[in-house]
Amino acid sequence: MIRVLLADDQALIRGALSALLGLESDIEVVAEVGTGDEVVPAARRTLPDVALLDVQMPGKDGLAAAAELREAVPSCRVVMCTTFGRPGYLARAMAAGAVGFVVKDAPPERLVDAVRRVHGGLRVVDPALAAESLARGVSPLTDREREVLRAAGEGGTVADVARALRLSDGTVRNHLSSAIGKTGARTRAEAARIAEDCGWL
């Protein structure tokens, strides 16, 4: 049996995925959680072979949970399963240790096949997303630019962002200016939107 952990903050989606996988004779859903914070504790309790993680969840997002899961239960293979098929998410998921990336609007048999294939040691990536990711390339933003842009995207002045991140106003302005230039945006709000759309934040 392939033991699967499901992590998705939408109970309806989580239940549907569980029911879908439960129809397969060789797959057993051993844990279902609704936040990224619950992933590692549930995996330690149930020792799944495969974890299907949503990208956007309360608490830790799926990408952070994937990285923690790789450290805590290295035998568990991670597949990101998300509505948001953004190219930047793919690169970040692979960097976090995921071996698969599927979008929720894929046919059900593709998800089941992905579980079996990653359990068998293969990598599985949505082909359209892989092509788009290659076309866009890796994120041009540094970690600090991402952090500043994410904070700025939540609103507030430069001083607010500087205070929250414990940086000087000038440093925040420099990072925002650099991020705006790299994304080809005209404003910090537009830069944050572009970066979010690309999955870089």
Protein backbone atom coordinates (compact mmCIF):
# COMPACT_ATOMS: atom_id res chain seq x y z
CA MET A 1 0.00 0.00 0.00
CA ILE A 2 1.12 3.56 -0.73
CA ARG A 3 0.52 5.60 2.41
CA VAL A 4 -0.54 9.20 1.65
CA LEU A 5 -0.79 12.36 3.74
CA LEU A 6 -3.08 15.13 2.42
CA ALA A 7 -2.62 18.80 3.38
CA ASP A 8 -5.13 21.34 2.08
CA ASP A 9 -6.87 24.15 3.93
CA GLN A 10 -10.14 23.63 2.06
CA ALA A 11 -12.01 20.78 3.73
CA LEU A 12 -14.12 20.09 0.63
CA ILE A 13 -11.04 19.71 -1.59
CA ARG A 14 -9.27 17.62 1.04
CA GLY A 15 -12.29 15.33 1.33
CA ALA A 16 -12.61 14.99 -2.44
CA LEU A 17 -8.93 14.11 -2.83
CA SER A 18 -9.19 11.59 -0.01
CA ALA A 19 -12.25 9.98 -1.57
CA LEU A 20 -10.59 9.88 -4.99
CA LEU A 21 -7.42 8.24 -3.70
CA GLY A 22 -9.42 5.91 -1.45
CA LEU A 23 -10.95 4.31 -4.55
CA GLU A 24 -7.54 2.92 -5.50
CA SER A 25 -6.71 -0.55 -4.14
CA ASP A 26 -3.02 0.27 -3.67
CA ILE A 27 -3.38 3.70 -1.97
CA GLU A 28 -4.36 4.49 1.62
CA VAL A 29 -4.84 8.03 2.97
CA VAL A 30 -3.32 7.87 6.47
CA ALA A 31 -3.58 11.55 7.46
CA GLU A 32 -5.47 14.71 6.48
CA VAL A 33 -4.51 18.17 7.75
CA GLY A 34 -5.65 21.71 7.03
CA THR A 35 -2.56 23.82 7.78
CA GLY A 36 1.13 23.75 6.97
CA ASP A 37 1.95 23.67 10.69
CA GLU A 38 0.25 20.28 11.04
CA VAL A 39 2.17 18.53 8.23
CA VAL A 40 5.32 17.43 10.06
CA PRO A 41 3.58 16.29 13.29
CA ALA A 42 1.08 14.26 11.24
CA ALA A 43 3.87 12.79 9.12
CA ARG A 44 5.87 11.79 12.20
CA ARG A 45 2.77 10.03 13.60
CA THR A 46 1.73 8.21 10.42
CA LEU A 47 4.96 7.86 8.36
CA PRO A 48 3.42 8.38 4.91
CA ASP A 49 5.21 7.39 1.71
CA VAL A 50 3.84 10.38 -0.21
CA ALA A 51 2.57 13.78 0.95
CA LEU A 52 0.25 15.85 -1.23
CA LEU A 53 0.64 19.47 -0.10
CA ASP A 54 -1.27 22.56 -1.17
CA VAL A 55 0.96 25.61 -1.75
CA GLN A 56 -1.16 28.24 -0.01
CA MET A 57 -2.27 27.25 3.48
CA PRO A 58 -2.64 29.00 6.84
CA GLY A 59 0.41 28.97 9.08
CA LYS A 60 3.39 27.65 7.15
CA ASP A 61 2.72 27.49 3.43
CA GLY A 62 3.16 24.22 1.57
CA LEU A 63 6.64 25.16 0.36
CA ALA A 64 7.92 25.72 3.91
CA ALA A 65 6.16 22.55 5.06
CA ALA A 66 7.81 20.59 2.22
CA ALA A 67 11.27 21.73 3.30
CA GLU A 68 10.57 20.80 6.94
CA LEU A 69 9.11 17.45 5.92
CA ARG A 70 12.24 16.60 3.93
CA GLU A 71 14.28 17.06 7.12
CA ALA A 72 11.83 15.39 9.52
CA VAL A 73 10.71 12.38 7.44
CA PRO A 74 13.21 12.02 4.56
CA SER A 75 11.56 8.85 3.24
CA CYS A 76 8.34 10.77 2.47
CA ARG A 77 8.18 12.05 -1.12
CA VAL A 78 6.37 15.37 -1.60
CA VAL A 79 4.00 16.34 -4.39
CA MET A 80 2.70 19.91 -4.48
CA CYS A 81 -0.96 19.89 -5.52
CA THR A 82 -2.30 23.38 -6.04
CA THR A 83 -4.80 25.61 -7.78
CA PHE A 84 -2.02 28.14 -8.36
CA GLY A 85 0.10 26.81 -11.22
CA ARG A 86 2.64 29.64 -11.13
CA PRO A 87 6.08 29.01 -12.62
CA GLY A 88 7.95 30.46 -9.65
CA TYR A 89 6.17 28.04 -7.33
CA LEU A 90 7.58 25.12 -9.32
CA ALA A 91 11.20 26.22 -8.88
CA ARG A 92 10.67 26.98 -5.20
CA ALA A 93 8.91 23.63 -4.64
CA MET A 94 11.78 21.69 -6.20
CA ALA A 95 14.28 23.68 -4.13
CA ALA A 96 12.25 22.74 -1.03
CA GLY A 97 12.57 19.05 -1.88
CA ALA A 98 9.30 18.33 -3.72
CA VAL A 99 9.53 15.67 -6.43
CA GLY A 100 6.17 16.40 -8.02
CA PHE A 101 3.95 19.33 -8.92
CA VAL A 102 0.38 18.93 -10.19
CA VAL A 103 -2.45 21.41 -10.54
CA LYS A 104 -5.89 20.67 -9.12
CA ASP A 105 -7.69 21.11 -12.42
CA ALA A 106 -5.75 18.18 -13.90
CA PRO A 107 -7.74 15.02 -14.65
CA PRO A 108 -8.14 12.81 -11.54
CA GLU A 109 -6.19 9.95 -13.11
CA ARG A 110 -3.17 12.26 -13.46
CA LEU A 111 -3.09 12.83 -9.69
CA VAL A 112 -3.35 9.10 -8.97
CA ASP A 113 -0.63 8.42 -11.53
CA ALA A 114 1.57 11.12 -9.92
CA VAL A 115 1.26 9.45 -6.50
CA ARG A 116 2.28 6.09 -7.94
CA ARG A 117 5.13 7.50 -9.99
CA VAL A 118 6.74 9.53 -7.20
CA HIS A 119 6.37 6.54 -4.89
CA GLY A 120 8.28 4.58 -7.54
CA GLY A 121 11.14 7.09 -7.42
CA LEU A 122 10.24 9.31 -10.37
CA ARG A 123 9.62 13.06 -10.63
CA VAL A 124 6.28 14.31 -11.92
CA VAL A 125 5.65 17.88 -13.10
CA ASP A 126 2.64 19.34 -14.89
CA PRO A 127 3.91 19.69 -18.49
CA ALA A 128 2.34 23.10 -19.21
CA LEU A 129 3.74 24.52 -15.99
CA ALA A 130 7.19 23.08 -16.71
CA ALA A 131 7.22 24.74 -20.15
CA GLU A 132 6.12 28.10 -18.72
CA SER A 133 8.68 27.85 -15.94
CA LEU A 134 11.47 27.27 -18.44
CA ALA A 135 10.27 30.21 -20.55
CA ARG A 136 10.18 32.59 -17.58
CA GLY A 137 13.38 31.41 -15.96
CA VAL A 138 14.24 31.63 -12.28
CA SER A 139 13.18 34.48 -10.05
CA PRO A 140 15.42 37.53 -10.49
CA LEU A 141 14.69 38.68 -6.93
CA THR A 142 17.06 38.16 -4.03
CA ASP A 143 15.71 36.75 -0.76
CA ARG A 144 15.83 40.21 0.83
CA GLU A 145 14.05 41.84 -2.15
CA ARG A 146 11.33 39.20 -1.89
CA GLU A 147 10.95 39.84 1.83
CA VAL A 148 10.74 43.61 1.38
CA LEU A 149 8.37 43.35 -1.59
CA ARG A 150 6.09 40.94 0.30
CA ALA A 151 5.95 43.32 3.28
CA ALA A 152 5.37 46.33 1.01
CA GLY A 153 2.60 44.46 -0.82
CA GLU A 154 0.67 44.25 2.45
CA GLY A 155 0.45 48.06 2.51
CA GLY A 156 2.06 50.59 4.77
CA THR A 157 4.75 53.16 4.24
CA VAL A 158 8.45 52.62 3.68
CA ALA A 159 8.93 53.46 7.36
CA ASP A 160 6.37 50.78 8.33
CA VAL A 161 8.18 48.16 6.23
CA ALA A 162 11.57 49.25 7.60
CA ARG A 163 10.32 49.00 11.17
CA ALA A 164 8.73 45.57 10.61
CA LEU A 165 11.88 44.15 9.00
CA ARG A 166 14.34 46.04 11.22
CA LEU A 167 15.97 47.79 8.28
CA SER A 168 16.70 51.43 7.55
CA ASP A 169 14.30 53.41 5.36
CA GLY A 170 17.06 53.82 2.77
CA THR A 171 17.72 50.08 2.60
CA VAL A 172 14.02 49.39 2.08
CA ARG A 173 13.87 52.02 -0.69
CA ASN A 174 16.91 50.46 -2.38
CA HIS A 175 15.42 46.94 -2.28
CA LEU A 176 12.06 48.19 -3.56
CA SER A 177 13.73 50.12 -6.37
CA SER A 178 15.73 47.05 -7.37
CA ALA A 179 12.63 44.80 -7.28
CA ILE A 180 10.64 47.30 -9.35
CA GLY A 181 13.40 47.36 -11.94
CA LYS A 182 13.77 43.59 -12.09
CA THR A 183 10.03 43.00 -12.53
CA GLY A 184 9.64 45.78 -15.11
CA ALA A 185 6.98 47.42 -12.94
CA ARG A 186 6.27 51.12 -12.43
CA THR A 187 5.26 50.99 -8.77
CA ARG A 188 5.95 48.77 -5.78
CA ALA A 189 2.32 47.59 -5.82
CA GLU A 190 2.66 46.55 -9.46
CA ALA A 191 6.00 44.86 -8.70
CA ALA A 192 4.39 42.90 -5.84
CA ARG A 193 1.50 41.85 -8.12
CA ILE A 194 3.84 40.72 -10.91
CA ALA A 195 6.03 38.81 -8.48
CA GLU A 196 2.98 37.17 -6.88
CA ASP A 197 1.56 36.21 -10.29
CA CYS A 198 4.88 34.59 -11.20
CA GLY A 199 5.05 32.73 -7.90
CA TRP A 200 8.24 34.52 -6.79
CA LEU A 201 6.79 35.70 -3.44
